[in-house]
């Protein structure tokens, strides 16, 4: 009888550890997908420059299309619809919505930095700090944690990324 109780107790501990590990793996995978996709989206948005302005004055000005390109890259790579809701089947819950919190186009320098480039971009609201060397797109997004089990806290990921136009 003591072996039966021991096996029952051991299997319960193993099941809890397995579920805890799956929850941690889902958390890490979800964060990495958001970060990698945001990196791709800021890259694509940073490529949307006004080529006429670059040819005339040598200045890099991002087009108004850069926001649309950023959103469409996020939607395509995360498999979201036009309202930024996950399309099933998806790692994220279909009831949750991706929020684009910040999209900054840094064409002449960081906000509050009169010296131009290089500068330190600092968004105190979302805790994002980055050193910017040239004209850049900075984006910060938020998405709720997928939580397949209730072992992790119910929170939102806040992910930031920047990409510089490399032709500067």
Protein backbone atom coordinates (compact mmCIF):
# COMPACT_ATOMS: atom_id res chain seq x y z
CA UNK A 1 0.00 0.00 0.00
CA UNK A 2 2.84 2.40 0.77
CA UNK A 3 4.19 1.90 -2.78
CA UNK A 4 0.82 2.76 -4.28
CA UNK A 5 0.66 5.98 -2.26
CA UNK A 6 4.28 6.77 -3.17
CA UNK A 7 3.59 6.23 -6.89
CA UNK A 8 0.43 8.32 -6.74
CA UNK A 9 2.26 11.16 -4.99
CA UNK A 10 5.22 10.95 -7.40
CA UNK A 11 2.99 10.96 -10.47
CA UNK A 12 1.11 14.02 -9.13
CA UNK A 13 4.42 15.88 -8.63
CA UNK A 14 5.62 14.87 -12.10
CA UNK A 15 2.36 16.03 -13.69
CA UNK A 16 2.61 19.40 -11.93
CA UNK A 17 6.22 19.85 -13.06
CA UNK A 18 5.29 18.90 -16.63
CA UNK A 19 2.42 21.42 -16.71
CA UNK A 20 4.64 24.11 -15.15
CA UNK A 21 7.32 23.47 -17.81
CA UNK A 22 4.74 23.65 -20.62
CA UNK A 23 3.51 26.96 -19.24
CA UNK A 24 7.06 28.36 -19.09
CA UNK A 25 7.82 27.13 -22.59
CA UNK A 26 4.63 28.72 -23.94
CA UNK A 27 5.54 32.00 -22.24
CA UNK A 28 9.03 32.05 -23.75
CA UNK A 29 7.80 31.02 -27.20
CA UNK A 30 5.06 33.66 -27.23
CA UNK A 31 7.47 36.43 -26.19
CA UNK A 32 10.04 35.35 -28.80
CA UNK A 33 7.41 35.28 -31.55
CA UNK A 34 6.27 38.79 -30.64
CA UNK A 35 9.85 40.10 -30.48
CA UNK A 36 10.96 38.50 -33.75
CA UNK A 37 7.84 39.63 -35.58
CA UNK A 38 8.17 43.17 -34.25
CA UNK A 39 11.82 43.19 -35.39
CA UNK A 40 10.66 42.20 -38.90
CA UNK A 41 7.88 44.79 -38.86
CA UNK A 42 10.16 47.67 -37.82
CA UNK A 43 12.64 46.58 -40.49
CA UNK A 44 9.96 46.64 -43.17
CA UNK A 45 8.65 50.01 -41.95
CA UNK A 46 12.18 51.49 -41.93
CA UNK A 47 12.53 50.62 -45.62
CA UNK A 48 9.58 52.90 -46.50
CA UNK A 49 11.46 56.13 -47.24
CA UNK A 50 10.77 59.04 -49.54
CA UNK A 51 13.35 58.38 -52.26
CA UNK A 52 12.76 61.76 -53.92
CA UNK A 53 13.62 63.59 -50.69
CA UNK A 54 16.70 61.42 -50.27
CA UNK A 55 17.85 62.18 -53.83
CA UNK A 56 17.17 65.94 -53.56
CA UNK A 57 18.31 66.84 -50.08
CA UNK A 58 20.03 63.72 -48.77
CA UNK A 59 17.48 63.56 -45.94
CA UNK A 60 15.68 60.43 -44.89
CA UNK A 61 11.94 60.98 -44.48
CA UNK A 62 9.70 58.00 -43.73
CA UNK A 63 6.54 57.81 -45.81
CA UNK A 64 3.06 57.69 -44.33
CA UNK A 65 2.87 54.14 -45.67
CA UNK A 66 5.39 52.95 -43.04
CA UNK A 67 2.66 52.56 -40.38
CA UNK A 68 0.56 50.44 -42.76
CA UNK A 69 3.58 48.29 -43.62
CA UNK A 70 4.35 47.80 -39.91
CA UNK A 71 0.76 46.69 -39.19
CA UNK A 72 0.52 44.40 -42.21
CA UNK A 73 3.84 42.69 -41.34
CA UNK A 74 2.62 42.11 -37.78
CA UNK A 75 -0.69 40.71 -39.04
CA UNK A 76 0.88 38.46 -41.65
CA UNK A 77 3.58 36.97 -39.43
CA UNK A 78 1.47 36.53 -36.30
CA UNK A 79 -1.59 35.33 -38.27
CA UNK A 80 -3.89 38.13 -37.09
CA UNK A 81 -6.86 39.68 -38.87
CA UNK A 82 -7.17 43.36 -39.83
CA UNK A 83 -8.41 44.19 -36.30
CA UNK A 84 -5.25 42.62 -34.81
CA UNK A 85 -7.21 39.67 -33.41
CA UNK A 86 -5.57 36.22 -33.64
CA UNK A 87 -7.00 33.90 -36.29
CA UNK A 88 -7.56 30.37 -34.96
CA UNK A 89 -5.59 28.16 -34.65
CA UNK A 90 -3.09 30.46 -32.96
CA UNK A 91 -0.83 30.48 -29.94
CA UNK A 92 -2.62 33.57 -28.64
CA UNK A 93 -6.25 33.57 -27.49
CA UNK A 94 -8.67 34.75 -30.16
CA UNK A 95 -10.36 37.01 -27.61
CA UNK A 96 -7.17 39.04 -27.11
CA UNK A 97 -6.09 41.91 -29.32
CA UNK A 98 -2.60 43.06 -30.25
CA UNK A 99 -2.15 46.72 -29.37
CA UNK A 100 0.36 48.92 -31.16
CA UNK A 101 1.22 51.31 -28.34
CA UNK A 102 3.93 53.46 -29.93
CA UNK A 103 5.24 54.05 -33.44
CA UNK A 104 7.87 56.79 -33.56
CA UNK A 105 9.59 57.90 -36.73
CA UNK A 106 12.95 59.32 -35.75
CA UNK A 107 14.15 61.23 -38.80
CA UNK A 108 16.31 63.96 -37.24
CA UNK A 109 17.03 62.59 -33.78
CA UNK A 110 15.37 61.47 -30.58
CA UNK A 111 12.64 63.53 -28.95
CA UNK A 112 14.27 66.08 -26.64
CA UNK A 113 17.72 65.54 -28.17
CA UNK A 114 18.76 68.66 -30.10
CA UNK A 115 22.10 67.14 -31.15
CA UNK A 116 20.57 64.71 -33.64
CA UNK A 117 22.24 61.33 -33.97
CA UNK A 118 23.52 59.32 -32.15
CA UNK A 119 21.03 59.68 -29.31
CA UNK A 120 19.35 57.65 -26.60
CA UNK A 121 15.67 56.95 -27.19
CA UNK A 122 13.87 56.70 -23.86
CA UNK A 123 10.20 55.85 -23.47
CA UNK A 124 9.55 56.04 -19.74
CA UNK A 125 5.90 54.99 -20.08
CA UNK A 126 6.77 51.48 -21.32
CA UNK A 127 10.37 51.23 -20.10
CA UNK A 128 12.02 51.08 -23.53
CA UNK A 129 15.53 52.51 -23.93
CA UNK A 130 17.70 52.19 -27.04
CA UNK A 131 20.71 53.91 -28.58
CA UNK A 132 19.80 55.26 -32.01
CA UNK A 133 22.57 55.95 -34.52
CA UNK A 134 20.55 57.05 -37.56
CA UNK A 135 17.00 57.56 -38.84
CA UNK A 136 14.85 54.88 -37.22
CA UNK A 137 11.42 53.47 -36.66
CA UNK A 138 10.65 52.60 -33.03
CA UNK A 139 7.59 50.51 -32.18
CA UNK A 140 6.21 49.15 -28.93
CA UNK A 141 3.40 46.58 -28.86
CA UNK A 142 1.35 44.87 -26.17
CA UNK A 143 -0.27 41.43 -26.20
CA UNK A 144 -1.78 39.36 -23.42
CA UNK A 145 0.12 36.31 -22.24
CA UNK A 146 -1.40 33.11 -23.73
CA UNK A 147 -1.55 31.21 -20.36
CA UNK A 148 -2.46 27.64 -21.31
CA UNK A 149 -2.52 26.80 -17.59
CA UNK A 150 -2.92 29.05 -14.58
CA UNK A 151 0.64 28.64 -13.28
CA UNK A 152 1.88 31.96 -14.64
CA UNK A 153 0.47 35.35 -13.81
CA UNK A 154 -2.11 36.93 -16.10
CA UNK A 155 -0.20 39.78 -17.67
CA UNK A 156 0.55 41.44 -20.96
CA UNK A 157 3.82 41.30 -22.82
CA UNK A 158 5.14 44.75 -23.73
CA UNK A 159 7.70 44.39 -26.50
CA UNK A 160 9.75 47.13 -28.11
CA UNK A 161 11.95 47.23 -31.18
CA UNK A 162 13.75 49.75 -33.34
CA UNK A 163 15.29 49.54 -36.75
CA UNK A 164 17.58 52.06 -38.38
CA UNK A 165 17.67 52.84 -42.02
CA UNK A 166 21.12 51.49 -42.89
CA UNK A 167 21.71 53.69 -45.93
CA UNK A 168 22.32 56.73 -43.73
